Amino acid sequence: MADDPKSLLGLLNGIAKRTYYNEVEITNEFLKSELYPDMQEEDFERLITKCTTLMKSMVSADMDLNQSEAFLTAQMNKKEHGITEEQAAVFRKFWKSHKNKIHESIIIRTTWNNTLKQVSWRIDLKSQARHIDQINTPTAIMELQVAKNGNGTEKDSSEVVRFEMDETKLSSVLRSMKEIEDEINKHCQQ
C-alpha cells in the first residue's frame, strides 16, 4: 500500500464517496491522477482493491472503534498483504469520522417503505359519555409519527396517526409486544 498518509486518507474518502455517498463522478482514473499520479496502474488497482476490501469489511460488520482497532491490528499482523502501523492509523482516522455517515447512508439506501419515527402515548380516564353518566375506564391514546419513504429528513415527509384503545385492546397489544421482545431476545442470545 502507498505510504503517504494524506494520499491514503484522500483515497479512502474517494472510495467512500463513490461507494456510499453516490458520487459517481469519482472514478479510479480521477483518484489516481489526483492522489497517485506516479504509481504504476496495476499497483494502483491493487491498492484500490485492498482499501475497498478493508473498508467493506469494516462497513459490513458495522464495527465500533474497539472492533475496528482489533481488525486493523489483525491486518497489521498478517505476513502477506498486511498493512503498516501508519496505514492502520489512517484507517482509524477515516473510520472515526465516517462510520456514522456511512451507516446512515446504508440505512437510507436500504429502506424502501415508510418507517416509524416516534411513538407517543398516554392513559386517560374516560369519565363521561353521551348516554352514560359515569364510566371511569382507562383509555390509551396513541400517536405514531410515520416518516415517508424511510428517510424522514424533510419536515413535511412525516404523517401523524392518532387512535384510542380500550383496556382490552391495550392488553392485547402489550402481550403482542412482549412476544416480539421475547423472540428478539431469543435470537440475540444465540
N, C-alpha and C. Protein backbone atom coordinates (compact mmCIF):
# COMPACT_ATOMS: atom_id res chain seq x y z
N MET A 1 0.84 -1.18 0.00
CA MET A 1 0.00 0.00 0.00
C MET A 1 0.88 1.24 0.00
N ALA A 2 0.35 2.29 -0.50
CA ALA A 2 1.10 3.55 -0.58
C ALA A 2 1.34 4.10 0.83
N ASP A 3 2.47 4.81 0.97
CA ASP A 3 2.88 5.23 2.31
C ASP A 3 2.47 6.64 2.71
N ASP A 4 2.09 7.49 1.78
CA ASP A 4 1.73 8.87 2.12
C ASP A 4 0.37 8.90 2.82
N PRO A 5 0.33 9.29 4.11
CA PRO A 5 -0.94 9.28 4.86
C PRO A 5 -2.02 10.17 4.25
N LYS A 6 -1.64 11.35 3.76
CA LYS A 6 -2.64 12.25 3.19
C LYS A 6 -3.26 11.66 1.93
N SER A 7 -2.44 11.06 1.09
CA SER A 7 -2.95 10.44 -0.14
C SER A 7 -3.84 9.25 0.18
N LEU A 8 -3.42 8.44 1.17
CA LEU A 8 -4.22 7.28 1.55
C LEU A 8 -5.57 7.72 2.12
N LEU A 9 -5.56 8.75 2.96
CA LEU A 9 -6.82 9.27 3.51
C LEU A 9 -7.70 9.82 2.39
N GLY A 10 -7.10 10.52 1.44
CA GLY A 10 -7.85 11.00 0.28
C GLY A 10 -8.45 9.86 -0.52
N LEU A 11 -7.68 8.78 -0.68
CA LEU A 11 -8.17 7.62 -1.41
C LEU A 11 -9.36 6.99 -0.68
N LEU A 12 -9.25 6.83 0.64
CA LEU A 12 -10.36 6.26 1.42
C LEU A 12 -11.60 7.14 1.32
N ASN A 13 -11.40 8.45 1.40
CA ASN A 13 -12.53 9.38 1.25
C ASN A 13 -13.17 9.25 -0.12
N GLY A 14 -12.34 9.14 -1.15
CA GLY A 14 -12.86 8.99 -2.51
C GLY A 14 -13.63 7.70 -2.69
N ILE A 15 -13.10 6.60 -2.16
CA ILE A 15 -13.80 5.31 -2.26
C ILE A 15 -15.14 5.38 -1.53
N ALA A 16 -15.13 5.99 -0.33
CA ALA A 16 -16.37 6.11 0.44
C ALA A 16 -17.39 6.97 -0.29
N LYS A 17 -16.95 8.09 -0.86
CA LYS A 17 -17.88 8.97 -1.58
C LYS A 17 -18.50 8.25 -2.76
N ARG A 18 -17.68 7.50 -3.48
CA ARG A 18 -18.18 6.78 -4.65
C ARG A 18 -19.09 5.62 -4.24
N THR A 19 -18.69 4.86 -3.25
CA THR A 19 -19.40 3.65 -2.88
C THR A 19 -20.64 3.92 -2.03
N TYR A 20 -20.54 4.83 -1.07
CA TYR A 20 -21.62 5.00 -0.10
C TYR A 20 -22.38 6.31 -0.22
N TYR A 21 -21.79 7.33 -0.85
CA TYR A 21 -22.46 8.62 -0.96
C TYR A 21 -22.90 8.93 -2.38
N ASN A 22 -22.83 7.94 -3.26
CA ASN A 22 -23.32 8.03 -4.65
C ASN A 22 -22.70 9.17 -5.46
N GLU A 23 -21.45 9.45 -5.25
CA GLU A 23 -20.75 10.45 -6.07
C GLU A 23 -20.05 9.70 -7.20
N VAL A 24 -20.82 9.40 -8.26
CA VAL A 24 -20.33 8.55 -9.35
C VAL A 24 -19.24 9.21 -10.20
N GLU A 25 -19.08 10.51 -10.08
CA GLU A 25 -18.05 11.18 -10.88
C GLU A 25 -16.64 10.86 -10.37
N ILE A 26 -16.53 10.24 -9.20
CA ILE A 26 -15.22 9.86 -8.67
C ILE A 26 -14.87 8.48 -9.24
N THR A 27 -13.97 8.46 -10.17
CA THR A 27 -13.55 7.22 -10.82
C THR A 27 -12.14 6.84 -10.36
N ASN A 28 -11.73 5.62 -10.68
CA ASN A 28 -10.36 5.20 -10.37
C ASN A 28 -9.35 6.10 -11.06
N GLU A 29 -9.64 6.47 -12.29
CA GLU A 29 -8.72 7.33 -13.05
C GLU A 29 -8.57 8.69 -12.37
N PHE A 30 -9.69 9.24 -11.90
CA PHE A 30 -9.65 10.53 -11.20
C PHE A 30 -8.82 10.41 -9.92
N LEU A 31 -9.07 9.35 -9.13
CA LEU A 31 -8.33 9.17 -7.88
C LEU A 31 -6.83 9.00 -8.15
N LYS A 32 -6.50 8.23 -9.17
CA LYS A 32 -5.09 8.01 -9.50
C LYS A 32 -4.43 9.31 -9.92
N SER A 33 -5.08 10.07 -10.80
CA SER A 33 -4.47 11.31 -11.28
C SER A 33 -4.32 12.35 -10.17
N GLU A 34 -5.25 12.37 -9.23
CA GLU A 34 -5.19 13.36 -8.15
C GLU A 34 -4.27 12.95 -7.00
N LEU A 35 -4.25 11.65 -6.68
CA LEU A 35 -3.56 11.21 -5.46
C LEU A 35 -2.25 10.46 -5.72
N TYR A 36 -2.22 9.65 -6.75
CA TYR A 36 -1.05 8.81 -7.02
C TYR A 36 -0.67 8.87 -8.50
N PRO A 37 -0.32 10.04 -9.03
CA PRO A 37 -0.03 10.15 -10.46
C PRO A 37 1.20 9.36 -10.91
N ASP A 38 2.15 9.11 -10.00
CA ASP A 38 3.39 8.43 -10.37
C ASP A 38 3.33 6.91 -10.17
N MET A 39 2.25 6.40 -9.61
CA MET A 39 2.16 4.97 -9.32
C MET A 39 1.79 4.19 -10.58
N GLN A 40 2.34 2.99 -10.70
CA GLN A 40 2.00 2.11 -11.81
C GLN A 40 0.52 1.73 -11.73
N GLU A 41 -0.10 1.52 -12.89
CA GLU A 41 -1.54 1.23 -12.96
C GLU A 41 -1.91 -0.03 -12.16
N GLU A 42 -1.16 -1.11 -12.33
CA GLU A 42 -1.53 -2.35 -11.62
C GLU A 42 -1.30 -2.23 -10.11
N ASP A 43 -0.29 -1.47 -9.70
CA ASP A 43 -0.10 -1.22 -8.26
C ASP A 43 -1.26 -0.41 -7.70
N PHE A 44 -1.72 0.57 -8.47
CA PHE A 44 -2.85 1.38 -8.02
C PHE A 44 -4.12 0.54 -7.93
N GLU A 45 -4.34 -0.34 -8.89
CA GLU A 45 -5.51 -1.23 -8.85
C GLU A 45 -5.47 -2.13 -7.62
N ARG A 46 -4.28 -2.63 -7.28
CA ARG A 46 -4.14 -3.46 -6.08
C ARG A 46 -4.45 -2.64 -4.83
N LEU A 47 -3.98 -1.40 -4.82
CA LEU A 47 -4.23 -0.50 -3.68
C LEU A 47 -5.73 -0.23 -3.54
N ILE A 48 -6.40 0.07 -4.64
CA ILE A 48 -7.85 0.32 -4.62
C ILE A 48 -8.58 -0.92 -4.10
N THR A 49 -8.21 -2.09 -4.60
CA THR A 49 -8.85 -3.34 -4.19
C THR A 49 -8.64 -3.59 -2.70
N LYS A 50 -7.42 -3.41 -2.22
CA LYS A 50 -7.11 -3.62 -0.80
C LYS A 50 -7.91 -2.66 0.08
N CYS A 51 -7.89 -1.38 -0.26
CA CYS A 51 -8.62 -0.38 0.54
C CYS A 51 -10.12 -0.65 0.52
N THR A 52 -10.66 -0.98 -0.65
CA THR A 52 -12.09 -1.25 -0.77
C THR A 52 -12.47 -2.48 0.04
N THR A 53 -11.65 -3.52 -0.02
CA THR A 53 -11.93 -4.75 0.74
C THR A 53 -11.92 -4.48 2.24
N LEU A 54 -10.91 -3.77 2.71
CA LEU A 54 -10.84 -3.46 4.15
C LEU A 54 -12.02 -2.60 4.58
N MET A 55 -12.35 -1.59 3.77
CA MET A 55 -13.47 -0.71 4.11
C MET A 55 -14.78 -1.49 4.13
N LYS A 56 -15.01 -2.33 3.13
CA LYS A 56 -16.26 -3.10 3.09
C LYS A 56 -16.35 -4.07 4.26
N SER A 57 -15.23 -4.62 4.70
CA SER A 57 -15.24 -5.49 5.88
C SER A 57 -15.66 -4.71 7.11
N MET A 58 -15.13 -3.51 7.26
CA MET A 58 -15.48 -2.68 8.41
C MET A 58 -16.94 -2.24 8.35
N VAL A 59 -17.41 -1.91 7.16
CA VAL A 59 -18.79 -1.45 6.99
C VAL A 59 -19.77 -2.59 7.21
N SER A 60 -19.51 -3.74 6.60
CA SER A 60 -20.47 -4.85 6.69
C SER A 60 -20.61 -5.36 8.11
N ALA A 61 -19.55 -5.26 8.91
CA ALA A 61 -19.63 -5.67 10.31
C ALA A 61 -20.10 -4.53 11.20
N ASP A 62 -20.27 -3.33 10.64
CA ASP A 62 -20.65 -2.14 11.40
C ASP A 62 -19.80 -2.03 12.66
N MET A 63 -18.48 -2.09 12.46
CA MET A 63 -17.54 -2.15 13.58
C MET A 63 -17.56 -0.86 14.40
N ASP A 64 -17.55 -1.05 15.72
CA ASP A 64 -17.33 0.11 16.57
C ASP A 64 -15.82 0.37 16.62
N LEU A 65 -15.39 1.35 17.37
CA LEU A 65 -13.97 1.72 17.36
C LEU A 65 -13.09 0.61 17.92
N ASN A 66 -13.56 -0.11 18.94
CA ASN A 66 -12.78 -1.21 19.51
C ASN A 66 -12.65 -2.36 18.51
N GLN A 67 -13.75 -2.70 17.85
CA GLN A 67 -13.71 -3.77 16.85
C GLN A 67 -12.80 -3.39 15.69
N SER A 68 -12.88 -2.14 15.25
CA SER A 68 -12.02 -1.71 14.14
C SER A 68 -10.55 -1.75 14.55
N GLU A 69 -10.28 -1.42 15.80
CA GLU A 69 -8.90 -1.48 16.30
C GLU A 69 -8.39 -2.92 16.25
N ALA A 70 -9.20 -3.86 16.70
CA ALA A 70 -8.80 -5.28 16.66
C ALA A 70 -8.63 -5.76 15.22
N PHE A 71 -9.53 -5.35 14.35
CA PHE A 71 -9.47 -5.74 12.94
C PHE A 71 -8.20 -5.20 12.29
N LEU A 72 -7.91 -3.93 12.52
CA LEU A 72 -6.72 -3.32 11.91
C LEU A 72 -5.43 -3.91 12.48
N THR A 73 -5.44 -4.26 13.76
CA THR A 73 -4.28 -4.92 14.36
C THR A 73 -4.05 -6.28 13.70
N ALA A 74 -5.13 -7.01 13.46
CA ALA A 74 -5.02 -8.29 12.77
C ALA A 74 -4.47 -8.09 11.36
N GLN A 75 -4.89 -7.03 10.70
CA GLN A 75 -4.38 -6.74 9.35
C GLN A 75 -2.89 -6.40 9.39
N MET A 76 -2.45 -5.73 10.46
CA MET A 76 -1.03 -5.39 10.59
C MET A 76 -0.19 -6.64 10.83
N ASN A 77 -0.76 -7.63 11.52
CA ASN A 77 -0.03 -8.84 11.86
C ASN A 77 0.02 -9.86 10.74
N LYS A 78 -0.68 -9.61 9.64
CA LYS A 78 -0.65 -10.53 8.50
C LYS A 78 0.75 -10.54 7.89
N LYS A 79 1.21 -11.72 7.54
CA LYS A 79 2.54 -11.84 6.91
C LYS A 79 2.52 -11.29 5.49
N GLU A 80 1.48 -11.67 4.72
CA GLU A 80 1.37 -11.21 3.33
C GLU A 80 0.20 -10.26 3.19
N HIS A 81 0.37 -9.23 2.42
CA HIS A 81 -0.69 -8.26 2.11
C HIS A 81 -1.24 -7.58 3.35
N GLY A 82 -0.42 -7.39 4.36
CA GLY A 82 -0.84 -6.69 5.56
C GLY A 82 -0.72 -5.18 5.37
N ILE A 83 -0.99 -4.46 6.44
CA ILE A 83 -0.86 -3.00 6.40
C ILE A 83 0.13 -2.58 7.47
N THR A 84 0.67 -1.39 7.32
CA THR A 84 1.63 -0.87 8.30
C THR A 84 0.88 -0.14 9.42
N GLU A 85 1.60 0.18 10.48
CA GLU A 85 1.01 0.92 11.60
C GLU A 85 0.52 2.29 11.13
N GLU A 86 1.28 2.93 10.26
CA GLU A 86 0.90 4.25 9.74
C GLU A 86 -0.40 4.16 8.92
N GLN A 87 -0.51 3.11 8.11
CA GLN A 87 -1.72 2.92 7.31
C GLN A 87 -2.92 2.60 8.21
N ALA A 88 -2.67 1.80 9.25
CA ALA A 88 -3.74 1.50 10.20
C ALA A 88 -4.22 2.78 10.89
N ALA A 89 -3.29 3.68 11.19
CA ALA A 89 -3.67 4.96 11.81
C ALA A 89 -4.55 5.77 10.87
N VAL A 90 -4.26 5.73 9.57
CA VAL A 90 -5.09 6.44 8.59
C VAL A 90 -6.48 5.81 8.53
N PHE A 91 -6.55 4.48 8.53
CA PHE A 91 -7.85 3.80 8.53
C PHE A 91 -8.64 4.15 9.79
N ARG A 92 -7.97 4.19 10.95
CA ARG A 92 -8.65 4.56 12.20
C ARG A 92 -9.23 5.96 12.10
N LYS A 93 -8.42 6.89 11.62
CA LYS A 93 -8.88 8.28 11.49
C LYS A 93 -10.07 8.36 10.54
N PHE A 94 -9.97 7.68 9.41
CA PHE A 94 -11.06 7.66 8.44
C PHE A 94 -12.32 7.06 9.07
N TRP A 95 -12.18 5.91 9.73
CA TRP A 95 -13.35 5.22 10.28
C TRP A 95 -14.01 6.03 11.38
N LYS A 96 -13.22 6.70 12.19
CA LYS A 96 -13.77 7.51 13.28
C LYS A 96 -14.65 8.63 12.73
N SER A 97 -14.25 9.23 11.61
CA SER A 97 -15.03 10.34 11.08
C SER A 97 -16.14 9.91 10.13
N HIS A 98 -16.07 8.72 9.55
CA HIS A 98 -17.06 8.32 8.54
C HIS A 98 -18.02 7.22 8.97
N LYS A 99 -17.76 6.55 10.07
CA LYS A 99 -18.58 5.39 10.46
C LYS A 99 -20.07 5.72 10.49
N ASN A 100 -20.45 6.76 11.19
CA ASN A 100 -21.87 7.10 11.32
C ASN A 100 -22.48 7.56 10.01
N LYS A 101 -21.73 8.34 9.23
CA LYS A 101 -22.25 8.81 7.94
C LYS A 101 -22.49 7.64 6.98
N ILE A 102 -21.56 6.71 6.95
CA ILE A 102 -21.71 5.54 6.07
C ILE A 102 -22.89 4.70 6.54
N HIS A 103 -23.01 4.51 7.84
CA HIS A 103 -24.12 3.72 8.40
C HIS A 103 -25.47 4.35 8.01
N GLU A 104 -25.59 5.66 8.18
CA GLU A 104 -26.83 6.35 7.81
C GLU A 104 -27.11 6.24 6.31
N SER A 105 -26.08 6.36 5.51
CA SER A 105 -26.23 6.24 4.06
C SER A 105 -26.77 4.87 3.67
N ILE A 106 -26.25 3.83 4.31
CA ILE A 106 -26.72 2.47 4.02
C ILE A 106 -28.16 2.29 4.46
N ILE A 107 -28.51 2.81 5.61
CA ILE A 107 -29.89 2.70 6.10
C ILE A 107 -30.84 3.38 5.12
N ILE A 108 -30.51 4.57 4.68
CA ILE A 108 -31.38 5.30 3.75
C ILE A 108 -31.51 4.55 2.43
N ARG A 109 -30.40 4.00 1.94
CA ARG A 109 -30.44 3.29 0.66
C ARG A 109 -31.18 1.96 0.74
N THR A 110 -31.29 1.37 1.92
CA THR A 110 -31.92 0.06 2.02
C THR A 110 -33.30 0.09 2.65
N THR A 111 -33.85 1.27 2.86
CA THR A 111 -35.21 1.40 3.40
C THR A 111 -36.12 1.87 2.28
N TRP A 112 -37.10 1.02 1.93
CA TRP A 112 -37.98 1.35 0.81
C TRP A 112 -39.36 1.81 1.27
N ASN A 113 -39.78 1.40 2.42
CA ASN A 113 -41.13 1.72 2.88
C ASN A 113 -41.09 2.83 3.93
N ASN A 114 -42.26 3.22 4.38
CA ASN A 114 -42.36 4.19 5.46
C ASN A 114 -41.77 3.57 6.73
N THR A 115 -41.28 4.42 7.61
CA THR A 115 -40.71 3.94 8.86
C THR A 115 -41.36 4.65 10.04
N LEU A 116 -41.37 3.96 11.16
CA LEU A 116 -41.91 4.53 12.39
C LEU A 116 -40.84 5.42 13.00
N LYS A 117 -41.16 6.70 13.11
CA LYS A 117 -40.19 7.68 13.58
C LYS A 117 -40.31 7.91 15.09
N GLN A 118 -41.55 7.96 15.58
CA GLN A 118 -41.76 8.25 17.00
C GLN A 118 -43.09 7.67 17.45
N VAL A 119 -43.13 7.21 18.70
CA VAL A 119 -44.36 6.72 19.32
C VAL A 119 -44.58 7.52 20.60
N SER A 120 -45.77 8.07 20.73
CA SER A 120 -46.16 8.77 21.96
C SER A 120 -47.48 8.19 22.42
N TRP A 121 -47.65 8.10 23.72
CA TRP A 121 -48.92 7.59 24.22
C TRP A 121 -49.15 8.12 25.63
N ARG A 122 -50.40 8.08 26.01
CA ARG A 122 -50.77 8.45 27.37
C ARG A 122 -52.04 7.70 27.74
N ILE A 123 -52.29 7.62 29.01
CA ILE A 123 -53.50 6.97 29.51
C ILE A 123 -54.43 8.05 30.04
N ASP A 124 -55.64 8.08 29.53
CA ASP A 124 -56.67 8.99 30.01
C ASP A 124 -57.75 8.17 30.69
N LEU A 125 -58.49 8.82 31.55
CA LEU A 125 -59.62 8.18 32.21
C LEU A 125 -60.88 8.76 31.61
N LYS A 126 -61.63 7.90 30.93
CA LYS A 126 -62.89 8.34 30.34
C LYS A 126 -63.89 8.50 31.48
N SER A 127 -64.47 9.67 31.62
CA SER A 127 -65.37 9.90 32.76
C SER A 127 -66.82 10.05 32.36
N GLN A 128 -67.10 10.42 31.13
CA GLN A 128 -68.48 10.61 30.69
C GLN A 128 -68.63 10.19 29.24
N ALA A 129 -69.83 9.81 28.92
CA ALA A 129 -70.20 9.56 27.53
C ALA A 129 -71.58 10.15 27.33
N ARG A 130 -72.04 10.14 26.13
CA ARG A 130 -73.33 10.75 25.82
C ARG A 130 -74.48 10.09 26.59
N HIS A 131 -74.48 8.77 26.66
CA HIS A 131 -75.62 8.07 27.26
C HIS A 131 -75.32 7.51 28.65
N ILE A 132 -74.07 7.59 29.10
CA ILE A 132 -73.72 7.05 30.40
C ILE A 132 -73.11 8.18 31.22
N ASP A 133 -73.60 8.33 32.47
CA ASP A 133 -73.13 9.43 33.29
C ASP A 133 -71.68 9.25 33.75
N GLN A 134 -71.37 8.08 34.28
CA GLN A 134 -70.02 7.85 34.79
C GLN A 134 -69.47 6.55 34.22
N ILE A 135 -68.28 6.64 33.60
CA ILE A 135 -67.68 5.44 33.02
C ILE A 135 -66.46 5.02 33.83
N ASN A 136 -65.52 5.96 34.04
CA ASN A 136 -64.28 5.70 34.77
C ASN A 136 -63.50 4.51 34.23
N THR A 137 -63.30 4.47 32.92
CA THR A 137 -62.48 3.41 32.33
C THR A 137 -61.24 4.04 31.69
N PRO A 138 -60.10 3.39 31.86
CA PRO A 138 -58.88 3.92 31.25
C PRO A 138 -58.88 3.72 29.74
N THR A 139 -58.35 4.70 29.04
CA THR A 139 -58.23 4.66 27.59
C THR A 139 -56.82 5.10 27.22
N ALA A 140 -56.18 4.33 26.35
CA ALA A 140 -54.85 4.70 25.87
C ALA A 140 -55.00 5.51 24.59
N ILE A 141 -54.37 6.66 24.54
CA ILE A 141 -54.36 7.48 23.33
C ILE A 141 -52.96 7.35 22.73
N MET A 142 -52.91 6.80 21.53
CA MET A 142 -51.63 6.54 20.84
C MET A 142 -51.42 7.57 19.74
N GLU A 143 -50.18 7.95 19.55
CA GLU A 143 -49.81 8.84 18.45
C GLU A 143 -48.53 8.28 17.81
N LEU A 144 -48.62 7.95 16.53
CA LEU A 144 -47.49 7.41 15.80
C LEU A 144 -47.06 8.41 14.74
N GLN A 145 -45.79 8.71 14.69
CA GLN A 145 -45.27 9.58 13.64
C GLN A 145 -44.55 8.67 12.64
N VAL A 146 -45.05 8.67 11.40
CA VAL A 146 -44.54 7.80 10.35
C VAL A 146 -43.80 8.64 9.32
N ALA A 147 -42.53 8.30 9.08
CA ALA A 147 -41.73 9.00 8.07
C ALA A 147 -41.95 8.32 6.73
N LYS A 148 -42.24 9.12 5.73
CA LYS A 148 -42.49 8.57 4.39
C LYS A 148 -41.18 8.29 3.68
N ASN A 149 -41.17 7.24 2.88
CA ASN A 149 -40.01 6.83 2.08
C ASN A 149 -38.79 6.50 2.90
N GLY A 150 -38.97 6.32 4.19
CA GLY A 150 -37.89 5.80 5.01
C GLY A 150 -36.81 6.76 5.45
N ASN A 151 -36.71 7.96 4.87
CA ASN A 151 -35.58 8.79 5.28
C ASN A 151 -35.94 9.80 6.36
N GLY A 152 -37.11 10.36 6.34
CA GLY A 152 -37.56 11.28 7.38
C GLY A 152 -36.70 12.52 7.52
N THR A 153 -36.04 12.93 6.45
CA THR A 153 -35.15 14.08 6.56
C THR A 153 -35.87 15.41 6.41
N GLU A 154 -36.94 15.43 5.63
CA GLU A 154 -37.68 16.68 5.44
C GLU A 154 -38.78 16.78 6.49
N LYS A 155 -39.11 18.01 6.89
CA LYS A 155 -40.16 18.18 7.90
C LYS A 155 -41.51 17.69 7.40
N ASP A 156 -41.83 17.94 6.15
CA ASP A 156 -43.13 17.58 5.60
C ASP A 156 -43.22 16.12 5.20
N SER A 157 -42.19 15.34 5.44
CA SER A 157 -42.19 13.97 4.97
C SER A 157 -42.77 12.99 5.99
N SER A 158 -43.35 13.50 7.07
CA SER A 158 -43.93 12.58 8.05
C SER A 158 -45.43 12.81 8.21
N GLU A 159 -46.07 11.76 8.68
CA GLU A 159 -47.51 11.77 8.87
C GLU A 159 -47.78 11.32 10.31
N VAL A 160 -48.78 11.89 10.96
CA VAL A 160 -49.13 11.53 12.32
C VAL A 160 -50.44 10.75 12.31
N VAL A 161 -50.42 9.60 12.99
CA VAL A 161 -51.61 8.76 13.10
C VAL A 161 -51.99 8.71 14.58
N ARG A 162 -53.24 9.06 14.90
CA ARG A 162 -53.72 9.04 16.29
C ARG A 162 -54.91 8.09 16.40
N PHE A 163 -54.95 7.34 17.52
CA PHE A 163 -56.08 6.45 17.76
C PHE A 163 -56.17 6.14 19.25
N GLU A 164 -57.34 5.62 19.65
CA GLU A 164 -57.58 5.25 21.05
C GLU A 164 -57.70 3.75 21.16
N MET A 165 -57.34 3.23 22.33
CA MET A 165 -57.51 1.81 22.62
C MET A 165 -58.12 1.67 24.01
N ASP A 166 -59.05 0.74 24.13
CA ASP A 166 -59.59 0.48 25.46
C ASP A 166 -58.65 -0.49 26.19
N GLU A 167 -59.02 -0.83 27.42
CA GLU A 167 -58.16 -1.65 28.26
C GLU A 167 -57.90 -3.02 27.65
N THR A 168 -58.90 -3.62 27.05
CA THR A 168 -58.76 -4.95 26.44
C THR A 168 -57.80 -4.92 25.26
N LYS A 169 -57.99 -3.95 24.40
CA LYS A 169 -57.13 -3.83 23.22
C LYS A 169 -55.69 -3.50 23.63
N LEU A 170 -55.53 -2.64 24.63
CA LEU A 170 -54.20 -2.30 25.11
C LEU A 170 -53.50 -3.53 25.68
N SER A 171 -54.21 -4.34 26.44
CA SER A 171 -53.63 -5.57 26.99
C SER A 171 -53.18 -6.50 25.87
N SER A 172 -53.99 -6.59 24.83
CA SER A 172 -53.65 -7.43 23.69
C SER A 172 -52.38 -6.93 22.99
N VAL A 173 -52.29 -5.62 22.79
CA VAL A 173 -51.11 -5.04 22.15
C VAL A 173 -49.87 -5.26 23.01
N LEU A 174 -49.99 -5.07 24.32
CA LEU A 174 -48.86 -5.27 25.22
C LEU A 174 -48.39 -6.73 25.21
N ARG A 175 -49.35 -7.67 25.15
CA ARG A 175 -48.98 -9.09 25.05
C ARG A 175 -48.21 -9.36 23.76
N SER A 176 -48.69 -8.78 22.67
CA SER A 176 -48.01 -8.96 21.38
C SER A 176 -46.60 -8.37 21.41
N MET A 177 -46.47 -7.21 22.02
CA MET A 177 -45.14 -6.59 22.12
C MET A 177 -44.21 -7.42 22.98
N LYS A 178 -44.73 -8.01 24.03
CA LYS A 178 -43.93 -8.88 24.90
C LYS A 178 -43.47 -10.11 24.12
N GLU A 179 -44.35 -10.69 23.29
CA GLU A 179 -43.97 -11.84 22.46
C GLU A 179 -42.87 -11.46 21.47
N ILE A 180 -42.99 -10.28 20.88
CA ILE A 180 -41.96 -9.80 19.95
C ILE A 180 -40.64 -9.62 20.68
N GLU A 181 -40.69 -9.01 21.85
CA GLU A 181 -39.48 -8.81 22.64
C GLU A 181 -38.82 -10.14 23.00
N ASP A 182 -39.64 -11.13 23.40
CA ASP A 182 -39.10 -12.45 23.74
C ASP A 182 -38.43 -13.10 22.54
N GLU A 183 -39.05 -12.97 21.36
CA GLU A 183 -38.46 -13.54 20.13
C GLU A 183 -37.13 -12.86 19.80
N ILE A 184 -37.10 -11.54 19.92
CA ILE A 184 -35.85 -10.82 19.64
C ILE A 184 -34.77 -11.25 20.62
N ASN A 185 -35.11 -11.33 21.90
CA ASN A 185 -34.14 -11.74 22.91
C ASN A 185 -33.65 -13.16 22.66
N LYS A 186 -34.56 -14.03 22.25
CA LYS A 186 -34.20 -15.42 21.97
C LYS A 186 -33.18 -15.50 20.84
N HIS A 187 -33.38 -14.71 19.80
CA HIS A 187 -32.46 -14.74 18.66
C HIS A 187 -31.16 -14.00 18.94
N CYS A 188 -31.21 -13.01 19.82
CA CYS A 188 -29.99 -12.26 20.14
C CYS A 188 -29.05 -13.06 21.04
N GLN A 189 -29.58 -13.99 21.80
CA GLN A 189 -28.78 -14.75 22.74
C GLN A 189 -28.14 -15.98 22.11
N GLN A 190 -28.44 -16.26 20.85
CA GLN A 190 -27.88 -17.46 20.21
C GLN A 190 -26.44 -17.30 19.87
